[in-house]
C-alpha atoms as a PDB file:
ATOM      1  CA  MET A   1     122.308  92.271 113.455  1.00  0.00           C
ATOM      2  CA  LEU A   2     120.861  95.558 114.471  1.00  0.00           C
ATOM      3  CA  GLU A   3     122.370  98.267 116.881  1.00  0.00           C
ATOM      4  CA  PRO A   4     120.376  99.743 119.825  1.00  0.00           C
ATOM      5  CA  GLY A   5     117.498 101.748 118.506  1.00  0.00           C
ATOM      6  CA  GLN A   6     118.071 100.654 114.653  1.00  0.00           C
ATOM      7  CA  ARG A   7     114.942  98.137 114.972  1.00  0.00           C
ATOM      8  CA  GLU A   8     112.733 101.098 116.172  1.00  0.00           C
ATOM      9  CA  LEU A   9     113.998 103.408 113.544  1.00  0.00           C
ATOM     10  CA  LEU A  10     113.496 100.832 110.848  1.00  0.00           C
ATOM     11  CA  GLU A  11     109.921  99.861 112.240  1.00  0.00           C
ATOM     12  CA  SER A  12     108.964 103.557 112.238  1.00  0.00           C
ATOM     13  CA  VAL A  13     110.134 103.849 108.727  1.00  0.00           C
ATOM     14  CA  ALA A  14     108.773 100.344 107.427  1.00  0.00           C
ATOM     15  CA  LYS A  15     105.235 101.663 108.493  1.00  0.00           C
ATOM     16  CA  SER A  16     105.548 104.723 107.178  1.00  0.00           C
ATOM     17  CA  ARG A  17     102.545 106.314 104.739  1.00  0.00           C
ATOM     18  CA  THR A  18     104.719 108.949 103.912  1.00  0.00           C
ATOM     19  CA  ALA A  19     108.352 107.825 103.404  1.00  0.00           C
ATOM     20  CA  ALA A  20     109.393 106.816 100.138  1.00  0.00           C
ATOM     21  CA  HIS A  21     108.354 103.139  98.773  1.00  0.00           C
ATOM     22  CA  ARG A  22     111.692 102.104  98.161  1.00  0.00           C
ATOM     23  CA  LEU A  23     112.682 103.268 101.776  1.00  0.00           C
ATOM     24  CA  VAL A  24     109.909 101.311 103.101  1.00  0.00           C
ATOM     25  CA  GLN A  25     110.557  98.382 101.028  1.00  0.00           C
ATOM     26  CA  ARG A  26     114.296  98.681 102.073  1.00  0.00           C
ATOM     27  CA  ALA A  27     113.659  98.959 105.592  1.00  0.00           C
ATOM     28  CA  GLN A  28     111.335  95.555 105.324  1.00  0.00           C
ATOM     29  CA  VAL A  29     114.164  93.902 103.887  1.00  0.00           C
ATOM     30  CA  LEU A  30     116.472  94.548 106.854  1.00  0.00           C
ATOM     31  CA  LEU A  31     114.058  94.161 109.177  1.00  0.00           C
ATOM     32  CA  ARG A  32     113.167  90.404 107.993  1.00  0.00           C
ATOM     33  CA  ALA A  33     117.008  89.850 107.423  1.00  0.00           C
ATOM     34  CA  ALA A  34     117.605  90.436 111.135  1.00  0.00           C
ATOM     35  CA  ASP A  35     114.901  88.128 112.053  1.00  0.00           C
ATOM     36  CA  GLY A  36     116.683  85.489 109.903  1.00  0.00           C
ATOM     37  CA  VAL A  37     114.558  85.328 106.928  1.00  0.00           C
ATOM     38  CA  SER A  38     116.662  84.072 103.851  1.00  0.00           C
ATOM     39  CA  ASN A  39     117.093  86.379 100.488  1.00  0.00           C
ATOM     40  CA  ALA A  40     115.240  84.396  98.244  1.00  0.00           C
ATOM     41  CA  ASP A  41     112.065  84.748 100.838  1.00  0.00           C
ATOM     42  CA  ASN A  42     112.432  88.436 101.344  1.00  0.00           C
ATOM     43  CA  ALA A  43     112.778  89.037  97.685  1.00  0.00           C
ATOM     44  CA  VAL A  44     109.489  87.153  97.403  1.00  0.00           C
ATOM     45  CA  LEU A  45     107.798  89.030 100.301  1.00  0.00           C
ATOM     46  CA  ALA A  46     109.147  92.191  98.937  1.00  0.00           C
ATOM     47  CA  GLY A  47     108.547  91.706  95.515  1.00  0.00           C
ATOM     48  CA  VAL A  48     111.895  92.134  93.990  1.00  0.00           C
ATOM     49  CA  THR A  49     114.641  89.740  92.819  1.00  0.00           C
ATOM     50  CA  ARG A  50     116.573  87.597  95.113  1.00  0.00           C
ATOM     51  CA  VAL A  51     119.724  89.584  93.632  1.00  0.00           C
ATOM     52  CA  THR A  52     118.064  93.018  94.570  1.00  0.00           C
ATOM     53  CA  ALA A  53     117.092  91.788  98.121  1.00  0.00           C
ATOM     54  CA  SER A  54     120.723  90.500  98.945  1.00  0.00           C
ATOM     55  CA  PHE A  55     122.250  93.648  97.403  1.00  0.00           C
ATOM     56  CA  GLN A  56     120.098  95.987  99.562  1.00  0.00           C
ATOM     57  CA  LEU A  57     121.411  94.060 102.559  1.00  0.00           C
ATOM     58  CA  THR A  58     125.447  93.720 101.874  1.00  0.00           C
ATOM     59  CA  ARG A  59     126.055  96.882  99.824  1.00  0.00           C
ATOM     60  CA  ARG A  60     123.995  99.547 101.147  1.00  0.00           C
ATOM     61  CA  HIS A  61     123.966  98.024 104.872  1.00  0.00           C
ATOM     62  CA  GLY A  62     126.944  95.837 105.289  1.00  0.00           C
ATOM     63  CA  VAL A  63     124.532  93.256 106.439  1.00  0.00           C
ATOM     64  CA  GLU A  64     125.444  89.592 105.409  1.00  0.00           C
ATOM     65  CA  GLY A  65     121.938  87.697 104.517  1.00  0.00           C
ATOM     66  CA  ALA A  66     121.207  84.390 104.858  1.00  0.00           C
ATOM     67  CA  PRO A  67     121.338  82.308 100.949  1.00  0.00           C
END
């Protein structure tokens, strides 16, 4: 679940053409997770492993993604 204002910030970063690729990718992963996309599907969409997608959610952002 995102706090008020977080979705707008993440959407801005996810669409950025000047932010670092890893930040854009992380914002996209977080947005998809907030929309209920599983870690496995999120990983495929992001082009990373499921472990990496899950790590981005739980370790860095305290978000519990779907299995």
